[in-house]
Amino acid sequence: MPRPTVAQLSYGSATVICSTLAMLLLSQATSPPGIAVIALAALGLGLLVALTVPLPKPARGGATAAAPAAHQVPARRTVIAPGPARDRAATASASVREPAGP
């Protein structure tokens, strides 16, 4: 089970506190069973709000997207090996040197 996000904790907690205060003030409950029912209702409402907060979408691309990157097929690479030693000597003598800048 994933951990709750900061938004889920914040919205859920604020809902529990505000709904508890509002229901206690509106109902003027003074008996312990009445207060317990209001507290349980507020907890249920806070849980409902916390679960309905939209979750952040995973990042697309970049260094944080490790799962999609694992499914990509690497590009085919062709290695061009140098020729025999005599070909390298011939290309070295044929190189052109340009004069340095002004």
Protein backbone atom coordinates (compact mmCIF):
# COMPACT_ATOMS: atom_id res chain seq x y z
CA MET A 1 0.00 0.00 0.00
CA PRO A 2 1.51 3.36 -0.96
CA ARG A 3 2.21 5.98 1.64
CA PRO A 4 -0.23 8.89 1.86
CA THR A 5 0.89 12.13 0.26
CA VAL A 6 1.19 15.44 2.09
CA ALA A 7 -1.98 16.68 0.40
CA GLN A 8 -3.93 13.65 1.57
CA LEU A 9 -2.76 14.08 5.15
CA SER A 10 -3.44 17.82 5.13
CA TYR A 11 -6.93 17.66 3.60
CA GLY A 12 -7.94 14.69 5.73
CA SER A 13 -6.77 16.28 8.97
CA ALA A 14 -8.37 19.62 8.19
CA THR A 15 -11.63 17.88 7.36
CA VAL A 16 -11.64 15.94 10.63
CA ILE A 17 -10.97 19.04 12.73
CA CYS A 18 -13.41 21.35 10.93
CA SER A 19 -16.23 18.83 10.66
CA THR A 20 -15.87 17.81 14.32
CA LEU A 21 -16.09 21.40 15.50
CA ALA A 22 -18.98 22.21 13.16
CA MET A 23 -21.03 19.15 14.16
CA LEU A 24 -20.39 19.69 17.88
CA LEU A 25 -21.42 23.33 17.65
CA LEU A 26 -24.49 22.64 15.51
CA SER A 27 -25.75 19.63 17.47
CA GLN A 28 -24.81 21.00 20.92
CA ALA A 29 -24.12 17.42 22.00
CA THR A 30 -22.97 17.08 25.62
CA SER A 31 -23.36 13.36 26.26
CA PRO A 32 -20.35 11.07 25.75
CA PRO A 33 -22.19 8.78 23.27
CA GLY A 34 -23.23 11.79 21.17
CA ILE A 35 -19.68 13.17 21.12
CA ALA A 36 -18.33 9.71 20.20
CA VAL A 37 -20.77 9.42 17.27
CA ILE A 38 -19.76 12.89 16.04
CA ALA A 39 -16.06 12.06 16.37
CA LEU A 40 -16.48 8.79 14.44
CA ALA A 41 -18.49 10.55 11.73
CA ALA A 42 -15.78 13.21 11.43
CA LEU A 43 -13.06 10.54 11.17
CA GLY A 44 -15.01 8.76 8.44
CA LEU A 45 -15.52 12.00 6.55
CA GLY A 46 -11.81 12.84 6.87
CA LEU A 47 -10.86 9.41 5.57
CA LEU A 48 -13.22 9.81 2.62
CA VAL A 49 -11.74 13.20 1.75
CA ALA A 50 -8.17 11.91 2.08
CA LEU A 51 -8.86 8.99 -0.25
CA THR A 52 -10.51 11.15 -2.91
CA VAL A 53 -7.63 13.63 -3.19
CA PRO A 54 -6.12 13.07 -6.66
CA LEU A 55 -2.72 11.43 -6.60
CA PRO A 56 0.20 13.07 -8.43
CA LYS A 57 0.88 11.63 -11.86
CA PRO A 58 4.28 9.98 -12.38
CA ALA A 59 6.83 12.08 -14.24
CA ARG A 60 7.33 11.36 -17.92
CA GLY A 61 10.96 11.33 -18.95
CA GLY A 62 13.91 12.64 -17.02
CA ALA A 63 15.95 10.88 -14.38
CA THR A 64 12.94 10.15 -12.15
CA ALA A 65 11.18 7.93 -14.69
CA ALA A 66 13.16 4.75 -14.12
CA ALA A 67 10.34 2.31 -14.88
CA PRO A 68 9.52 3.50 -18.42
CA ALA A 69 13.23 3.77 -19.25
CA ALA A 70 13.70 0.07 -18.46
CA HIS A 71 11.39 -0.86 -21.34
CA GLN A 72 13.15 1.19 -24.00
CA VAL A 73 15.20 -0.65 -26.58
CA PRO A 74 18.77 0.68 -26.86
CA ALA A 75 19.92 1.94 -30.24
CA ARG A 76 22.08 -0.34 -32.36
CA ARG A 77 25.67 0.86 -32.46
CA THR A 78 28.21 0.07 -35.14
CA VAL A 79 31.88 0.16 -34.25
CA ILE A 80 34.24 0.99 -37.10
CA ALA A 81 37.61 -0.52 -36.36
CA PRO A 82 40.77 1.12 -37.74
CA GLY A 83 42.46 -0.56 -40.68
CA PRO A 84 45.90 -2.18 -40.68
CA ALA A 85 48.95 -0.26 -39.48
CA ARG A 86 50.07 0.74 -42.99
CA ASP A 87 46.66 2.41 -43.67
CA ARG A 88 47.03 4.45 -40.51
CA ALA A 89 50.51 5.62 -41.53
CA ALA A 90 49.24 6.67 -44.96
CA THR A 91 46.35 8.69 -43.52
CA ALA A 92 48.62 10.36 -40.97
CA SER A 93 50.98 11.68 -43.70
CA ALA A 94 48.02 12.83 -45.82
CA SER A 95 46.49 14.95 -43.06
CA VAL A 96 46.33 18.67 -43.68
CA ARG A 97 47.36 21.14 -41.04
CA GLU A 98 45.66 24.51 -41.00
CA PRO A 99 47.33 27.62 -39.65
CA ALA A 100 46.28 28.89 -36.24
CA GLY A 101 43.90 31.83 -35.90
CA PRO A 102 44.99 35.50 -36.03
